[in-house]
Amino acid sequence: FNGNYYFEVRGKLITAGTHEMPVIFTSNMSDPKKNDWPGIIFNVDLGATSNCRYTNFSHASIANTITSSQVYYNALNGIQLNNCNFLSNDTAIYTPINNNYFSIGTTKIDSCSFSNNNYAIKGNGWDISNSSFTNNINGIYESAMVNVKKTTFQYNSNCAIYSINGAIDSCIFKNNYIGIIDHYYAENIITNNIISENSIGIEFSKPVQSSIFGYSTSSPRNNTISNNILYNVENLSDKTKDLTGNYWGTSDSTTIEDKIKDGYDDIALGLVNYDIYDNNGIMIKSVIKVDFTGLNEVQLQTIVKIYPTTVTSELNIDIKEIESIPLDISIYSVCGQMVYCSKSNSSNLKINLESLVPDIYIVSVKYGSHIIKKKIIKK
């Protein structure tokens, strides 16, 4: 195929290749590239279904488009893809949203490979198993009603999965920029996955507008989330996230906390609660964080400087402008136990912390009706 020529399916498409001799849909250009031809359109309104085995789709704008005017679509057979390869497409498989709500299982994808696509999968209604997503820009992107299991995601340069609603079970996420982006009104079930060696393991996205759907209720469980480069978890939402029941690859609380970005790093963000397990899988303790902030908080980074972030003996607090308002200074353990408190009008404070045991602590400085807080590590 080339130019504006596409293949529209209005009945059932059956392809039966083999591993050695797959059926091929691709560009006929001498030097094939992405977007060389529009792709295949499955027109569900006109009865389109498919059963494709050992079939390769490459160099299309959208290799497979599944479209329907029905608001709710739940085909008994739908689109079935087995042992298919999607290579070097702009988008490999796409369901235009258009207010359609394709249920899970509408498109069944088993033992398929997606590589070097800008978007491997977009849209709703996917049941994906035993597949691989490698070297794409985005793996599964902005998709709802998604069921993914026993699938590997590696070297995807933006994100492996950006999911709004679905189940992600027994998958491997390695060497992606972001493993999983959990949308701000997501309801994802994220269980039994290995999420490791990505730049960011799981990101809870921040709201971009007022949501009519409410906020994310996703609570990942029984995952190994470890050794990600920047953060194992980045909570960009303003809601507390429950990540108890996951293993972090270590029992050292300082190491765990250092790879979690939440409200203890940025006052505008929500918190992350978690459990700590030993190497035998026995829980040592739960870390349920306390929100120390009130209703009228602002960040006062230009006024209050708290340093160093790693303390051996002495913590410094410098104030640029103090006026006549006294400062309330409190230090809490990561579990919310107060270990130090004082009031001061001084603009340069030095607090001796030699008596504190090595751990993560939160320094809270109240200035009038405002609070600034910062996480420190006591060595």
Protein backbone atom coordinates (compact mmCIF):
# COMPACT_ATOMS: atom_id res chain seq x y z
CA PHE A 1 0.00 0.00 0.00
CA ASN A 2 1.03 3.60 -0.43
CA GLY A 3 -0.36 7.11 -0.63
CA ASN A 4 -4.04 7.44 0.35
CA TYR A 5 -4.95 3.80 -0.22
CA TYR A 6 -6.30 1.95 2.80
CA PHE A 7 -8.01 -1.37 3.42
CA GLU A 8 -11.53 -1.17 4.94
CA VAL A 9 -12.99 -4.28 6.54
CA ARG A 10 -16.80 -4.58 6.53
CA GLY A 11 -17.04 -8.28 7.26
CA LYS A 12 -14.56 -10.70 8.81
CA LEU A 13 -10.85 -10.52 8.06
CA ILE A 14 -9.04 -13.83 8.53
CA THR A 15 -5.30 -14.10 8.04
CA ALA A 16 -3.45 -17.33 8.72
CA GLY A 17 0.28 -16.91 8.42
CA THR A 18 2.99 -18.91 10.15
CA HIS A 19 6.05 -17.94 12.14
CA GLU A 20 8.23 -18.62 9.09
CA MET A 21 5.81 -17.09 6.54
CA PRO A 22 3.67 -14.35 8.08
CA VAL A 23 0.99 -12.43 6.23
CA ILE A 24 2.31 -8.90 5.64
CA PHE A 25 0.50 -5.56 5.37
CA THR A 26 3.04 -2.85 4.67
CA SER A 27 4.23 -0.03 2.45
CA ASN A 28 5.29 -0.74 -1.14
CA MET A 29 7.80 2.09 -1.09
CA SER A 30 11.44 1.23 -1.78
CA ASP A 31 12.48 2.96 1.44
CA PRO A 32 9.49 2.38 3.75
CA LYS A 33 8.77 4.80 6.57
CA LYS A 34 6.07 5.50 9.11
CA ASN A 35 2.89 7.02 7.61
CA ASP A 36 3.54 5.59 4.12
CA TRP A 37 -0.08 4.34 3.95
CA PRO A 38 -3.22 4.97 6.04
CA GLY A 39 -3.69 1.42 7.37
CA ILE A 40 -6.62 -0.96 7.88
CA ILE A 41 -10.02 0.29 9.07
CA PHE A 42 -12.35 -2.15 10.84
CA ASN A 43 -15.84 -0.70 10.39
CA VAL A 44 -17.76 -2.28 13.24
CA ASP A 45 -21.08 -0.74 12.12
CA LEU A 46 -20.80 -2.81 8.95
CA GLY A 47 -19.98 -6.04 10.76
CA ALA A 48 -16.20 -5.92 10.89
CA THR A 49 -14.43 -8.56 12.98
CA SER A 50 -11.10 -10.27 12.56
CA ASN A 51 -9.03 -13.29 13.41
CA CYS A 52 -5.45 -12.50 12.44
CA ARG A 53 -2.64 -14.94 13.20
CA TYR A 54 1.04 -14.48 12.39
CA THR A 55 0.43 -11.21 10.58
CA ASN A 56 2.79 -8.23 10.34
CA PHE A 57 1.57 -4.62 10.10
CA SER A 58 4.15 -1.92 9.39
CA HIS A 59 4.85 1.62 8.13
CA ALA A 60 1.22 2.79 8.39
CA SER A 61 -0.27 5.93 9.86
CA ILE A 62 -2.65 3.78 11.92
CA ALA A 63 -2.11 0.10 11.22
CA ASN A 64 -5.48 -0.97 12.68
CA THR A 65 -8.34 1.48 13.30
CA ILE A 66 -11.41 0.04 15.03
CA THR A 67 -14.36 2.37 14.64
CA SER A 68 -18.04 2.32 15.58
CA SER A 69 -20.80 4.90 15.89
CA GLN A 70 -22.37 2.91 18.74
CA VAL A 71 -22.06 4.49 22.17
CA TYR A 72 -21.62 1.07 23.82
CA TYR A 73 -20.03 -1.71 21.82
CA ASN A 74 -19.40 -5.23 23.13
CA ALA A 75 -18.74 -7.73 20.36
CA LEU A 76 -18.70 -11.41 21.30
CA ASN A 77 -15.75 -12.05 19.01
CA GLY A 78 -14.58 -8.55 18.13
CA ILE A 79 -11.05 -8.12 16.84
CA GLN A 80 -8.66 -10.97 17.60
CA LEU A 81 -4.93 -10.68 17.02
CA ASN A 82 -2.58 -13.57 17.77
CA ASN A 83 1.18 -13.69 17.21
CA CYS A 84 1.08 -10.48 15.20
CA ASN A 85 3.86 -7.90 14.86
CA PHE A 86 3.32 -4.14 14.68
CA LEU A 87 6.47 -2.38 13.52
CA SER A 88 7.29 1.26 12.67
CA ASN A 89 3.77 2.66 12.53
CA ASP A 90 2.77 6.08 13.78
CA THR A 91 0.01 4.28 15.72
CA ALA A 92 -0.30 0.52 15.72
CA ILE A 93 -3.90 0.09 16.96
CA TYR A 94 -6.41 2.84 17.60
CA THR A 95 -10.03 3.10 18.70
CA PRO A 96 -11.33 6.65 18.21
CA ILE A 97 -13.00 7.70 21.45
CA ASN A 98 -15.95 9.70 20.03
CA ASN A 99 -17.94 8.89 23.17
CA ASN A 100 -17.62 5.16 22.47
CA TYR A 101 -17.23 2.84 25.44
CA PHE A 102 -15.77 -0.40 24.13
CA SER A 103 -15.84 -2.99 26.89
CA ILE A 104 -12.80 -5.03 27.92
CA GLY A 105 -12.37 -7.89 25.49
CA THR A 106 -13.63 -6.07 22.41
CA THR A 107 -10.10 -6.40 21.01
CA LYS A 108 -8.16 -9.47 22.11
CA ILE A 109 -4.40 -9.26 21.67
CA ASP A 110 -2.33 -12.31 22.54
CA SER A 111 1.37 -13.03 21.99
CA CYS A 112 1.84 -9.93 19.84
CA SER A 113 4.86 -7.66 19.50
CA PHE A 114 4.84 -3.85 19.25
CA SER A 115 8.08 -2.06 18.42
CA ASN A 116 9.26 1.28 17.06
CA ASN A 117 5.77 2.80 16.95
CA ASN A 118 5.03 6.33 18.13
CA TYR A 119 1.92 4.96 19.84
CA ALA A 120 1.48 1.22 20.14
CA ILE A 121 -2.14 1.32 21.34
CA LYS A 122 -4.63 4.15 21.90
CA GLY A 123 -8.34 4.02 22.78
CA ASN A 124 -10.64 1.70 24.70
CA GLY A 125 -11.50 -1.97 25.07
CA TRP A 126 -8.24 -3.94 25.10
CA ASP A 127 -7.60 -7.43 26.47
CA ILE A 128 -3.83 -7.92 26.15
CA SER A 129 -1.78 -10.92 27.26
CA ASN A 130 1.63 -12.50 26.70
CA SER A 131 2.78 -9.62 24.50
CA SER A 132 5.76 -7.25 24.31
CA PHE A 133 6.06 -3.48 23.87
CA THR A 134 9.62 -2.46 23.04
CA ASN A 135 11.28 0.72 21.76
CA ASN A 136 8.03 2.60 21.20
CA ILE A 137 7.61 6.22 22.20
CA ASN A 138 4.39 5.28 24.02
CA GLY A 139 3.13 1.80 24.74
CA ILE A 140 -0.54 1.82 25.77
CA TYR A 141 -1.60 5.46 25.85
CA GLU A 142 -4.69 7.24 27.25
CA SER A 143 -6.70 4.03 27.23
CA ALA A 144 -9.72 2.94 29.27
CA MET A 145 -11.26 -0.49 29.79
CA VAL A 146 -7.84 -2.15 29.52
CA ASN A 147 -6.88 -5.57 30.81
CA VAL A 148 -3.14 -6.28 30.52
CA LYS A 149 -1.48 -9.39 31.91
CA LYS A 150 1.81 -11.27 31.53
CA THR A 151 3.18 -8.63 29.17
CA THR A 152 6.63 -7.01 29.01
CA PHE A 153 7.30 -3.29 28.50
CA GLN A 154 10.89 -2.23 27.82
CA TYR A 155 12.72 0.79 26.41
CA ASN A 156 9.59 2.85 25.68
CA SER A 157 10.93 6.40 25.62
CA ASN A 158 7.91 8.24 27.09
CA CYS A 159 5.67 5.85 29.00
CA ALA A 160 4.82 2.16 28.92
CA ILE A 161 1.18 2.49 30.06
CA TYR A 162 -0.90 5.63 30.52
CA SER A 163 -4.14 4.16 31.77
CA ILE A 164 -7.46 5.65 32.80
CA ASN A 165 -9.30 2.50 33.78
CA GLY A 166 -8.34 -1.16 33.81
CA ALA A 167 -6.28 -3.98 35.29
CA ILE A 168 -2.51 -4.42 35.00
CA ASP A 169 -1.37 -7.77 36.36
CA SER A 170 1.84 -9.83 36.32
CA CYS A 171 3.67 -7.55 33.87
CA ILE A 172 7.30 -6.46 33.68
CA PHE A 173 8.25 -2.79 33.28
CA LYS A 174 11.95 -2.12 32.75
CA ASN A 175 14.05 0.62 31.16
CA ASN A 176 11.11 2.82 30.20
CA TYR A 177 11.07 6.52 31.01
CA ILE A 178 7.83 6.05 32.99
CA GLY A 179 6.48 2.59 33.74
CA ILE A 180 2.85 3.43 34.57
CA ILE A 181 1.05 6.78 34.53
CA ASP A 182 -2.08 6.53 36.64
CA HIS A 183 -4.55 9.13 35.37
CA TYR A 184 -6.00 11.56 37.92
CA TYR A 185 -9.47 9.99 37.70
CA ALA A 186 -8.20 6.45 37.15
CA GLU A 187 -9.55 3.28 38.68
CA ASN A 188 -6.71 0.92 37.89
CA ILE A 189 -6.03 -2.42 39.53
CA ILE A 190 -2.24 -2.70 39.54
CA THR A 191 -1.07 -6.02 40.98
CA ASN A 192 1.82 -8.50 40.89
CA ASN A 193 4.03 -6.47 38.57
CA ILE A 194 7.79 -5.90 38.50
CA ILE A 195 8.46 -2.18 37.99
CA SER A 196 12.21 -1.64 37.99
CA GLU A 197 15.05 0.28 36.30
CA ASN A 198 12.76 2.87 34.72
CA SER A 199 13.39 6.57 35.20
CA ILE A 200 10.06 6.75 37.09
CA GLY A 201 8.21 3.63 38.21
CA ILE A 202 4.65 4.85 38.80
CA GLU A 203 3.45 8.41 38.32
CA PHE A 204 0.11 9.56 39.73
CA SER A 205 -0.74 12.43 37.42
CA LYS A 206 -1.92 15.83 38.58
CA PRO A 207 -5.41 17.08 37.70
CA VAL A 208 -5.47 19.33 34.67
CA GLN A 209 -9.09 20.38 35.15
CA SER A 210 -12.03 19.83 37.47
CA SER A 211 -12.95 16.17 37.04
CA ILE A 212 -16.56 15.03 36.82
CA PHE A 213 -15.30 11.50 37.48
CA GLY A 214 -13.76 12.19 40.89
CA TYR A 215 -10.18 11.34 41.77
CA SER A 216 -8.10 8.23 41.28
CA THR A 217 -8.93 5.31 43.55
CA SER A 218 -6.07 3.15 42.27
CA SER A 219 -4.18 1.32 45.02
CA PRO A 220 -1.31 -0.80 43.67
CA ARG A 221 -0.79 -4.03 45.58
CA ASN A 222 1.79 -6.84 45.68
CA ASN A 223 4.14 -5.18 43.19
CA THR A 224 7.91 -4.97 43.32
CA ILE A 225 8.71 -1.29 42.75
CA SER A 226 12.45 -0.85 43.05
CA ASN A 227 15.67 0.52 41.59
CA ASN A 228 13.98 3.12 39.40
CA ILE A 229 16.38 5.95 38.64
CA LEU A 230 14.54 9.13 39.65
CA TYR A 231 11.56 7.90 41.64
CA ASN A 232 9.90 4.60 42.37
CA VAL A 233 6.69 6.58 42.88
CA GLU A 234 5.96 10.19 41.95
CA ASN A 235 2.68 11.50 43.36
CA LEU A 236 1.87 14.65 41.37
CA SER A 237 -1.75 14.65 42.52
CA ASP A 238 -2.94 16.49 45.61
CA LYS A 239 -4.40 13.32 47.15
CA THR A 240 -2.80 10.79 49.50
CA LYS A 241 -2.00 7.49 47.76
CA ASP A 242 -2.11 4.12 49.47
CA LEU A 243 0.85 2.00 48.38
CA THR A 244 0.87 -0.36 51.31
CA GLY A 245 1.39 -3.98 50.37
CA ASN A 246 4.23 -3.40 47.87
CA TYR A 247 7.90 -4.39 48.07
CA TRP A 248 10.57 -1.71 47.53
CA GLY A 249 13.65 -3.90 47.14
CA THR A 250 15.03 -2.82 50.52
CA SER A 251 14.05 -2.54 54.16
CA ASP A 252 15.94 0.72 54.63
CA SER A 253 13.41 3.51 55.18
CA THR A 254 15.82 6.23 54.04
CA THR A 255 16.38 4.53 50.70
CA ILE A 256 12.64 3.97 50.21
CA GLU A 257 11.71 7.54 51.09
CA ASP A 258 14.43 8.97 48.87
CA LYS A 259 12.74 7.39 45.81
CA ILE A 260 9.24 8.65 46.66
CA LYS A 261 8.19 12.13 45.61
CA ASP A 262 5.16 13.42 47.50
CA GLY A 263 3.95 16.14 49.86
CA TYR A 264 7.01 15.73 52.05
CA ASP A 265 9.05 17.07 49.12
CA ASP A 266 6.56 19.60 47.73
CA ILE A 267 3.79 21.03 49.89
CA ALA A 268 1.36 21.12 46.94
CA LEU A 269 1.47 17.34 46.46
CA GLY A 270 -0.37 14.51 48.15
CA LEU A 271 1.36 11.98 50.38
CA VAL A 272 2.33 8.33 49.80
CA ASN A 273 1.76 5.69 52.48
CA TYR A 274 3.64 2.40 52.31
CA ASP A 275 4.80 -0.72 54.12
CA ILE A 276 8.38 -1.82 54.70
CA TYR A 277 9.23 -5.51 54.23
CA ASP A 278 12.38 -7.49 54.93
CA ASN A 279 14.02 -9.73 52.34
CA ASN A 280 11.83 -12.65 53.42
CA GLY A 281 8.63 -10.76 52.65
CA ILE A 282 7.76 -10.15 56.31
CA MET A 283 6.36 -6.71 57.01
CA ILE A 284 8.49 -4.67 59.41
CA LYS A 285 6.29 -1.58 59.72
CA SER A 286 3.73 0.60 57.97
CA VAL A 287 4.54 4.22 57.17
CA ILE A 288 1.29 6.18 57.38
CA LYS A 289 2.19 9.79 56.86
CA VAL A 290 0.64 12.75 58.59
CA ASP A 291 -0.30 15.90 56.73
CA PHE A 292 1.11 18.65 58.92
CA THR A 293 -0.23 21.47 56.79
CA GLY A 294 -3.31 23.60 57.43
CA LEU A 295 -5.82 25.18 55.11
CA ASN A 296 -3.93 28.41 54.35
CA GLU A 297 -0.50 27.09 53.36
CA VAL A 298 1.86 28.52 50.81
CA GLN A 299 5.40 27.61 49.99
CA LEU A 300 7.78 30.17 51.47
CA GLN A 301 10.92 28.96 49.73
CA THR A 302 12.09 32.52 49.12
CA ILE A 303 11.76 33.38 52.82
CA VAL A 304 12.74 30.23 54.70
CA LYS A 305 15.81 28.13 53.87
CA ILE A 306 16.23 24.76 55.62
CA TYR A 307 19.57 22.97 55.13
CA PRO A 308 21.36 20.64 54.78
CA THR A 309 19.00 17.94 53.57
CA THR A 310 21.34 15.27 54.95
CA VAL A 311 22.19 16.07 58.58
CA THR A 312 24.82 14.53 60.80
CA SER A 313 24.55 16.90 63.76
CA GLU A 314 23.33 20.44 63.05
CA LEU A 315 20.34 21.72 61.07
CA ASN A 316 20.23 25.33 59.87
CA ILE A 317 17.11 27.45 59.34
CA ASP A 318 17.63 30.88 57.79
CA ILE A 319 14.84 33.46 57.55
CA LYS A 320 15.06 36.41 55.16
CA GLU A 321 12.34 38.54 56.78
CA ILE A 322 10.97 37.85 60.21
CA GLU A 323 8.85 40.93 61.04
CA SER A 324 7.40 40.48 64.53
CA ILE A 325 5.80 37.09 63.93
CA PRO A 326 7.33 34.24 65.92
CA LEU A 327 8.19 31.01 64.16
CA ASP A 328 6.85 27.65 65.32
CA ILE A 329 9.41 24.99 64.47
CA SER A 330 8.54 21.30 64.69
CA ILE A 331 10.33 18.16 63.58
CA TYR A 332 8.43 14.92 63.03
CA SER A 333 9.34 11.36 62.25
CA VAL A 334 8.02 10.06 58.95
CA CYS A 335 5.21 8.36 60.90
CA GLY A 336 4.10 11.65 62.46
CA GLN A 337 5.71 11.52 65.91
CA MET A 338 6.93 14.93 67.07
CA VAL A 339 10.59 14.75 68.14
CA TYR A 340 11.37 18.48 68.46
CA CYS A 341 9.46 21.75 68.84
CA SER A 342 10.37 25.35 69.66
CA LYS A 343 9.43 28.99 69.04
CA SER A 344 11.87 31.60 67.80
CA ASN A 345 12.16 35.13 66.44
CA SER A 346 15.72 34.57 65.28
CA SER A 347 16.56 34.86 61.60
CA ASN A 348 19.37 32.27 61.82
CA LEU A 349 18.67 29.11 63.78
CA LYS A 350 20.95 26.19 64.48
CA ILE A 351 19.30 23.04 65.86
CA ASN A 352 21.38 20.20 67.25
CA LEU A 353 20.00 16.86 66.05
CA GLU A 354 22.76 14.55 67.33
CA SER A 355 20.34 12.79 69.66
CA LEU A 356 17.98 11.72 66.86
CA VAL A 357 18.33 8.21 65.48
CA PRO A 358 19.19 7.95 61.76
CA ASP A 359 15.95 8.12 59.77
CA ILE A 360 13.76 10.38 57.63
CA TYR A 361 12.33 13.47 59.37
CA ILE A 362 10.03 16.31 58.36
CA VAL A 363 10.88 19.86 59.42
CA SER A 364 7.80 22.08 59.68
CA VAL A 365 8.16 25.85 60.05
CA LYS A 366 4.96 27.80 60.73
CA TYR A 367 5.09 31.48 59.81
CA GLY A 368 1.85 33.23 60.71
CA SER A 369 -0.89 31.25 58.96
CA HIS A 370 1.57 29.69 56.51
CA ILE A 371 3.66 26.55 56.73
CA ILE A 372 6.74 25.39 54.91
CA LYS A 373 8.00 21.87 55.36
CA LYS A 374 11.00 19.96 54.15
CA LYS A 375 12.18 16.38 54.32
CA ILE A 376 15.64 15.77 55.80
CA ILE A 377 17.72 12.67 56.34
CA LYS A 378 19.47 12.19 59.66
CA LYS A 379 22.64 10.14 59.29
